[in-house]
Amino acid sequence: NVKQVIVMRRDLKVRRGKEIAQGAHASIRWLVQVVKEGYVDSLSPQEREWLDGSFTKVCLQVESEAELKELHQKAHIMGMQSHLIVDNGVTEFNGVKTTTCLAIGPDYADKIDQVTGHLKLY
């Protein structure tokens, strides 16, 4: 079972559309990296399974930037893809760049759950 997990900061209290856009940025960031860096031919078995399957995604929540960054670090330590999204602050956040969310994976669900299994669904 392969999935990607998107983790959103709930403490930011932004518009729903902004949250959706940030989550979309997080989800696609992995694929953009694959294409830009040209490693399509060297995808892991779990990455190929995800691309060939149903693109399973689970959206979870945290209450702070610190929590988000801790998850990001744990995922990297465990050898998983993890991408933090930093908003430029143009439409929200008064021009201040703000870390809004992250995506972990795609990877095996049981591996990702070791990092995010304690979080609440968004």
N, C-alpha and C. Protein backbone atom coordinates (compact mmCIF):
# COMPACT_ATOMS: atom_id res chain seq x y z
N ASN A 1 0.84 -1.18 0.00
CA ASN A 1 0.00 0.00 0.00
C ASN A 1 0.89 1.25 0.00
N VAL A 2 0.74 2.07 -1.02
CA VAL A 2 1.56 3.27 -1.19
C VAL A 2 0.68 4.51 -1.14
N LYS A 3 1.21 5.56 -0.51
CA LYS A 3 0.44 6.80 -0.42
C LYS A 3 1.38 7.99 -0.33
N GLN A 4 0.77 9.15 -0.40
CA GLN A 4 1.44 10.41 -0.13
C GLN A 4 0.61 11.08 0.97
N VAL A 5 1.31 11.71 1.91
CA VAL A 5 0.63 12.41 3.00
C VAL A 5 0.91 13.90 2.86
N ILE A 6 -0.14 14.69 2.94
CA ILE A 6 -0.02 16.14 2.93
C ILE A 6 -0.37 16.62 4.33
N VAL A 7 0.51 17.41 4.92
CA VAL A 7 0.29 17.90 6.29
C VAL A 7 0.15 19.41 6.23
N MET A 8 -0.99 19.90 6.72
CA MET A 8 -1.32 21.33 6.68
C MET A 8 -1.22 21.96 8.07
N ARG A 9 -0.73 23.18 8.10
CA ARG A 9 -0.71 23.96 9.35
C ARG A 9 -2.10 24.56 9.57
N ARG A 10 -2.73 24.19 10.68
CA ARG A 10 -4.05 24.73 11.00
C ARG A 10 -3.97 26.06 11.74
N ASP A 11 -2.83 26.38 12.31
CA ASP A 11 -2.70 27.61 13.08
C ASP A 11 -2.70 28.86 12.22
N LEU A 12 -2.56 28.73 10.91
CA LEU A 12 -2.47 29.91 10.04
C LEU A 12 -3.83 30.56 9.78
N LYS A 13 -4.90 29.81 9.90
CA LYS A 13 -6.26 30.35 9.73
C LYS A 13 -6.42 31.10 8.40
N VAL A 14 -6.04 30.44 7.29
CA VAL A 14 -6.18 31.06 5.98
C VAL A 14 -7.45 30.60 5.28
N ARG A 15 -7.78 31.26 4.19
CA ARG A 15 -8.97 30.90 3.41
C ARG A 15 -8.84 29.47 2.89
N ARG A 16 -9.97 28.81 2.73
CA ARG A 16 -10.00 27.41 2.27
C ARG A 16 -9.30 27.27 0.91
N GLY A 17 -9.54 28.19 -0.01
CA GLY A 17 -8.91 28.12 -1.32
C GLY A 17 -7.40 28.18 -1.24
N LYS A 18 -6.89 29.00 -0.32
CA LYS A 18 -5.45 29.10 -0.13
C LYS A 18 -4.89 27.78 0.39
N GLU A 19 -5.60 27.17 1.34
CA GLU A 19 -5.17 25.86 1.86
C GLU A 19 -5.12 24.82 0.74
N ILE A 20 -6.15 24.81 -0.09
CA ILE A 20 -6.20 23.84 -1.18
C ILE A 20 -5.03 24.06 -2.14
N ALA A 21 -4.77 25.32 -2.49
CA ALA A 21 -3.67 25.62 -3.40
C ALA A 21 -2.33 25.19 -2.80
N GLN A 22 -2.13 25.45 -1.52
CA GLN A 22 -0.87 25.07 -0.87
C GLN A 22 -0.72 23.55 -0.83
N GLY A 23 -1.79 22.84 -0.53
CA GLY A 23 -1.75 21.38 -0.54
C GLY A 23 -1.44 20.83 -1.92
N ALA A 24 -1.99 21.47 -2.95
CA ALA A 24 -1.70 21.05 -4.33
C ALA A 24 -0.23 21.28 -4.66
N HIS A 25 0.31 22.41 -4.23
CA HIS A 25 1.74 22.68 -4.43
C HIS A 25 2.57 21.56 -3.78
N ALA A 26 2.21 21.20 -2.56
CA ALA A 26 2.96 20.17 -1.84
C ALA A 26 2.90 18.83 -2.57
N SER A 27 1.71 18.45 -3.00
CA SER A 27 1.54 17.16 -3.65
C SER A 27 2.34 17.06 -4.95
N ILE A 28 2.32 18.10 -5.74
CA ILE A 28 2.98 18.05 -7.04
C ILE A 28 4.48 18.31 -6.96
N ARG A 29 4.95 18.84 -5.86
CA ARG A 29 6.37 19.19 -5.74
C ARG A 29 7.29 18.01 -6.00
N TRP A 30 6.91 16.84 -5.52
CA TRP A 30 7.72 15.64 -5.75
C TRP A 30 7.83 15.35 -7.24
N LEU A 31 6.71 15.39 -7.96
CA LEU A 31 6.71 15.09 -9.38
C LEU A 31 7.50 16.13 -10.17
N VAL A 32 7.38 17.39 -9.79
CA VAL A 32 8.16 18.45 -10.44
C VAL A 32 9.65 18.16 -10.30
N GLN A 33 10.06 17.75 -9.12
CA GLN A 33 11.47 17.41 -8.89
C GLN A 33 11.90 16.25 -9.77
N VAL A 34 11.07 15.22 -9.86
CA VAL A 34 11.39 14.06 -10.69
C VAL A 34 11.61 14.48 -12.14
N VAL A 35 10.73 15.30 -12.66
CA VAL A 35 10.82 15.74 -14.05
C VAL A 35 12.02 16.66 -14.26
N LYS A 36 12.17 17.66 -13.40
CA LYS A 36 13.26 18.62 -13.56
C LYS A 36 14.64 17.98 -13.44
N GLU A 37 14.78 17.07 -12.49
CA GLU A 37 16.07 16.44 -12.25
C GLU A 37 16.29 15.22 -13.12
N GLY A 38 15.26 14.83 -13.88
CA GLY A 38 15.40 13.77 -14.85
C GLY A 38 15.63 12.38 -14.29
N TYR A 39 15.05 12.09 -13.13
CA TYR A 39 15.27 10.74 -12.59
C TYR A 39 14.04 9.85 -12.71
N VAL A 40 13.25 10.06 -13.76
CA VAL A 40 12.06 9.24 -14.02
C VAL A 40 12.45 7.78 -14.18
N ASP A 41 13.58 7.52 -14.80
CA ASP A 41 14.02 6.14 -15.04
C ASP A 41 14.54 5.45 -13.78
N SER A 42 14.77 6.21 -12.72
CA SER A 42 15.30 5.60 -11.49
C SER A 42 14.34 5.72 -10.31
N LEU A 43 13.04 5.75 -10.60
CA LEU A 43 12.05 5.79 -9.54
C LEU A 43 12.10 4.51 -8.72
N SER A 44 11.80 4.64 -7.43
CA SER A 44 11.74 3.46 -6.56
C SER A 44 10.48 2.65 -6.90
N PRO A 45 10.45 1.39 -6.50
CA PRO A 45 9.25 0.57 -6.75
C PRO A 45 7.98 1.21 -6.17
N GLN A 46 8.08 1.80 -4.97
CA GLN A 46 6.90 2.40 -4.37
C GLN A 46 6.46 3.66 -5.13
N GLU A 47 7.41 4.43 -5.65
CA GLU A 47 7.06 5.61 -6.44
C GLU A 47 6.36 5.20 -7.73
N ARG A 48 6.88 4.15 -8.38
CA ARG A 48 6.24 3.65 -9.61
C ARG A 48 4.83 3.12 -9.31
N GLU A 49 4.70 2.41 -8.20
CA GLU A 49 3.39 1.87 -7.83
C GLU A 49 2.38 3.00 -7.63
N TRP A 50 2.82 4.07 -6.98
CA TRP A 50 1.93 5.22 -6.74
C TRP A 50 1.52 5.86 -8.06
N LEU A 51 2.48 6.06 -8.96
CA LEU A 51 2.17 6.67 -10.25
C LEU A 51 1.27 5.79 -11.11
N ASP A 52 1.42 4.48 -10.99
CA ASP A 52 0.61 3.55 -11.76
C ASP A 52 -0.74 3.24 -11.11
N GLY A 53 -0.90 3.68 -9.87
CA GLY A 53 -2.11 3.35 -9.11
C GLY A 53 -3.10 4.49 -9.02
N SER A 54 -3.61 4.70 -7.83
CA SER A 54 -4.71 5.65 -7.65
C SER A 54 -4.28 6.97 -7.04
N PHE A 55 -2.96 7.22 -6.94
CA PHE A 55 -2.46 8.48 -6.37
C PHE A 55 -3.03 8.74 -4.98
N THR A 56 -3.06 7.73 -4.15
CA THR A 56 -3.64 7.86 -2.81
C THR A 56 -2.95 8.97 -2.03
N LYS A 57 -3.77 9.87 -1.49
CA LYS A 57 -3.28 10.98 -0.67
C LYS A 57 -4.11 11.04 0.60
N VAL A 58 -3.46 11.38 1.70
CA VAL A 58 -4.15 11.57 2.98
C VAL A 58 -3.73 12.95 3.47
N CYS A 59 -4.71 13.75 3.88
CA CYS A 59 -4.41 15.10 4.37
C CYS A 59 -4.55 15.12 5.90
N LEU A 60 -3.47 15.55 6.56
CA LEU A 60 -3.41 15.58 8.02
C LEU A 60 -3.13 17.00 8.48
N GLN A 61 -3.16 17.22 9.79
CA GLN A 61 -2.98 18.57 10.31
C GLN A 61 -2.02 18.64 11.48
N VAL A 62 -1.36 19.80 11.58
CA VAL A 62 -0.54 20.14 12.73
C VAL A 62 -0.92 21.56 13.15
N GLU A 63 -0.44 21.97 14.31
CA GLU A 63 -0.80 23.28 14.84
C GLU A 63 0.35 24.29 14.86
N SER A 64 1.50 23.93 14.26
CA SER A 64 2.60 24.88 14.30
C SER A 64 3.62 24.59 13.20
N GLU A 65 4.41 25.61 12.91
CA GLU A 65 5.51 25.47 11.97
C GLU A 65 6.55 24.50 12.53
N ALA A 66 6.79 24.56 13.83
CA ALA A 66 7.77 23.68 14.46
C ALA A 66 7.40 22.21 14.26
N GLU A 67 6.12 21.88 14.44
CA GLU A 67 5.66 20.49 14.23
C GLU A 67 5.90 20.07 12.78
N LEU A 68 5.58 20.96 11.86
CA LEU A 68 5.73 20.67 10.44
C LEU A 68 7.20 20.38 10.11
N LYS A 69 8.09 21.22 10.59
CA LYS A 69 9.51 21.05 10.32
C LYS A 69 10.07 19.79 10.98
N GLU A 70 9.55 19.44 12.14
CA GLU A 70 9.99 18.21 12.81
C GLU A 70 9.61 16.98 11.98
N LEU A 71 8.40 16.97 11.44
CA LEU A 71 7.96 15.87 10.58
C LEU A 71 8.83 15.78 9.33
N HIS A 72 9.12 16.93 8.75
CA HIS A 72 9.97 17.00 7.56
C HIS A 72 11.34 16.37 7.84
N GLN A 73 11.91 16.74 8.96
CA GLN A 73 13.23 16.22 9.34
C GLN A 73 13.17 14.70 9.58
N LYS A 74 12.15 14.22 10.29
CA LYS A 74 12.02 12.79 10.56
C LYS A 74 11.88 12.00 9.26
N ALA A 75 11.09 12.53 8.33
CA ALA A 75 10.90 11.84 7.05
C ALA A 75 12.23 11.72 6.31
N HIS A 76 12.99 12.80 6.29
CA HIS A 76 14.29 12.76 5.61
C HIS A 76 15.25 11.78 6.28
N ILE A 77 15.26 11.76 7.60
CA ILE A 77 16.12 10.83 8.34
C ILE A 77 15.77 9.39 7.97
N MET A 78 14.48 9.13 7.74
CA MET A 78 14.03 7.78 7.37
C MET A 78 14.17 7.49 5.88
N GLY A 79 14.72 8.43 5.13
CA GLY A 79 14.97 8.21 3.71
C GLY A 79 13.79 8.44 2.80
N MET A 80 12.79 9.19 3.27
CA MET A 80 11.61 9.45 2.46
C MET A 80 11.68 10.83 1.81
N GLN A 81 10.98 10.96 0.70
CA GLN A 81 10.82 12.26 0.08
C GLN A 81 9.93 13.11 0.98
N SER A 82 10.33 14.35 1.21
CA SER A 82 9.51 15.28 1.98
C SER A 82 9.78 16.68 1.45
N HIS A 83 8.71 17.39 1.16
CA HIS A 83 8.84 18.72 0.57
C HIS A 83 8.03 19.74 1.36
N LEU A 84 8.73 20.70 1.94
CA LEU A 84 8.08 21.82 2.63
C LEU A 84 7.67 22.86 1.60
N ILE A 85 6.52 23.46 1.80
CA ILE A 85 6.04 24.52 0.91
C ILE A 85 6.08 25.84 1.66
N VAL A 86 6.73 26.82 1.04
CA VAL A 86 6.83 28.16 1.62
C VAL A 86 6.09 29.11 0.69
N ASP A 87 5.03 29.71 1.21
CA ASP A 87 4.25 30.67 0.45
C ASP A 87 5.00 32.00 0.40
N ASN A 88 4.92 32.69 -0.73
CA ASN A 88 5.61 33.97 -0.90
C ASN A 88 4.95 35.14 -0.19
N GLY A 89 3.74 34.95 0.30
CA GLY A 89 3.08 36.01 1.06
C GLY A 89 2.41 37.07 0.21
N VAL A 90 2.19 36.80 -1.07
CA VAL A 90 1.60 37.80 -1.96
C VAL A 90 0.12 38.03 -1.65
N THR A 91 -0.65 36.94 -1.50
CA THR A 91 -2.09 37.08 -1.27
C THR A 91 -2.50 36.95 0.19
N GLU A 92 -1.62 36.41 1.00
CA GLU A 92 -1.86 36.25 2.43
C GLU A 92 -0.55 36.54 3.16
N PHE A 93 -0.58 36.60 4.43
CA PHE A 93 0.61 36.70 5.28
C PHE A 93 1.35 38.04 5.16
N ASN A 94 0.69 39.06 4.61
CA ASN A 94 1.24 40.43 4.57
C ASN A 94 2.66 40.51 4.03
N GLY A 95 2.92 39.78 2.96
CA GLY A 95 4.22 39.84 2.32
C GLY A 95 5.32 39.04 2.99
N VAL A 96 4.98 38.32 4.05
CA VAL A 96 5.97 37.52 4.78
C VAL A 96 5.95 36.08 4.24
N LYS A 97 7.10 35.59 3.83
CA LYS A 97 7.18 34.19 3.39
C LYS A 97 6.84 33.29 4.58
N THR A 98 5.95 32.31 4.34
CA THR A 98 5.42 31.49 5.42
C THR A 98 5.38 30.02 5.02
N THR A 99 5.93 29.16 5.86
CA THR A 99 5.86 27.72 5.64
C THR A 99 4.44 27.26 5.95
N THR A 100 3.76 26.69 4.96
CA THR A 100 2.34 26.38 5.10
C THR A 100 2.03 24.89 5.26
N CYS A 101 2.79 24.03 4.58
CA CYS A 101 2.45 22.60 4.57
C CYS A 101 3.63 21.80 4.06
N LEU A 102 3.46 20.50 4.02
CA LEU A 102 4.46 19.63 3.43
C LEU A 102 3.79 18.40 2.86
N ALA A 103 4.52 17.73 1.99
CA ALA A 103 4.08 16.43 1.48
C ALA A 103 5.19 15.43 1.75
N ILE A 104 4.81 14.28 2.23
CA ILE A 104 5.74 13.17 2.46
C ILE A 104 5.34 12.04 1.52
N GLY A 105 6.32 11.53 0.81
CA GLY A 105 6.05 10.44 -0.12
C GLY A 105 5.94 10.95 -1.54
N PRO A 106 5.53 10.04 -2.42
CA PRO A 106 4.92 8.75 -2.17
C PRO A 106 5.90 7.71 -1.62
N ASP A 107 5.35 6.90 -0.73
CA ASP A 107 6.13 5.83 -0.12
C ASP A 107 5.15 4.82 0.49
N TYR A 108 5.72 3.73 1.02
CA TYR A 108 4.87 2.72 1.64
C TYR A 108 4.15 3.31 2.84
N ALA A 109 2.87 3.01 2.95
CA ALA A 109 2.02 3.57 4.00
C ALA A 109 2.57 3.27 5.39
N ASP A 110 3.02 2.05 5.62
CA ASP A 110 3.51 1.71 6.96
C ASP A 110 4.77 2.49 7.33
N LYS A 111 5.56 2.87 6.35
CA LYS A 111 6.75 3.68 6.60
C LYS A 111 6.36 5.13 6.92
N ILE A 112 5.48 5.70 6.12
CA ILE A 112 5.02 7.07 6.36
C ILE A 112 4.30 7.17 7.71
N ASP A 113 3.52 6.14 8.04
CA ASP A 113 2.77 6.14 9.30
C ASP A 113 3.68 6.20 10.53
N GLN A 114 4.92 5.77 10.38
CA GLN A 114 5.86 5.87 11.50
C GLN A 114 6.16 7.34 11.84
N VAL A 115 5.99 8.22 10.87
CA VAL A 115 6.24 9.65 11.05
C VAL A 115 4.94 10.40 11.33
N THR A 116 3.85 10.03 10.67
CA THR A 116 2.62 10.82 10.72
C THR A 116 1.43 10.10 11.33
N GLY A 117 1.58 8.86 11.74
CA GLY A 117 0.45 8.07 12.22
C GLY A 117 -0.27 8.64 13.42
N HIS A 118 0.37 9.52 14.17
CA HIS A 118 -0.24 10.11 15.37
C HIS A 118 -1.06 11.36 15.07
N LEU A 119 -1.02 11.86 13.83
CA LEU A 119 -1.70 13.11 13.48
C LEU A 119 -3.18 12.90 13.20
N LYS A 120 -3.95 13.97 13.38
CA LYS A 120 -5.39 13.95 13.08
C LYS A 120 -5.60 14.23 11.60
N LEU A 121 -6.67 13.60 11.07
CA LEU A 121 -7.08 13.92 9.70
C LEU A 121 -7.46 15.39 9.62
N TYR A 122 -7.24 15.97 8.46
CA TYR A 122 -7.59 17.38 8.27
C TYR A 122 -9.06 17.48 7.98
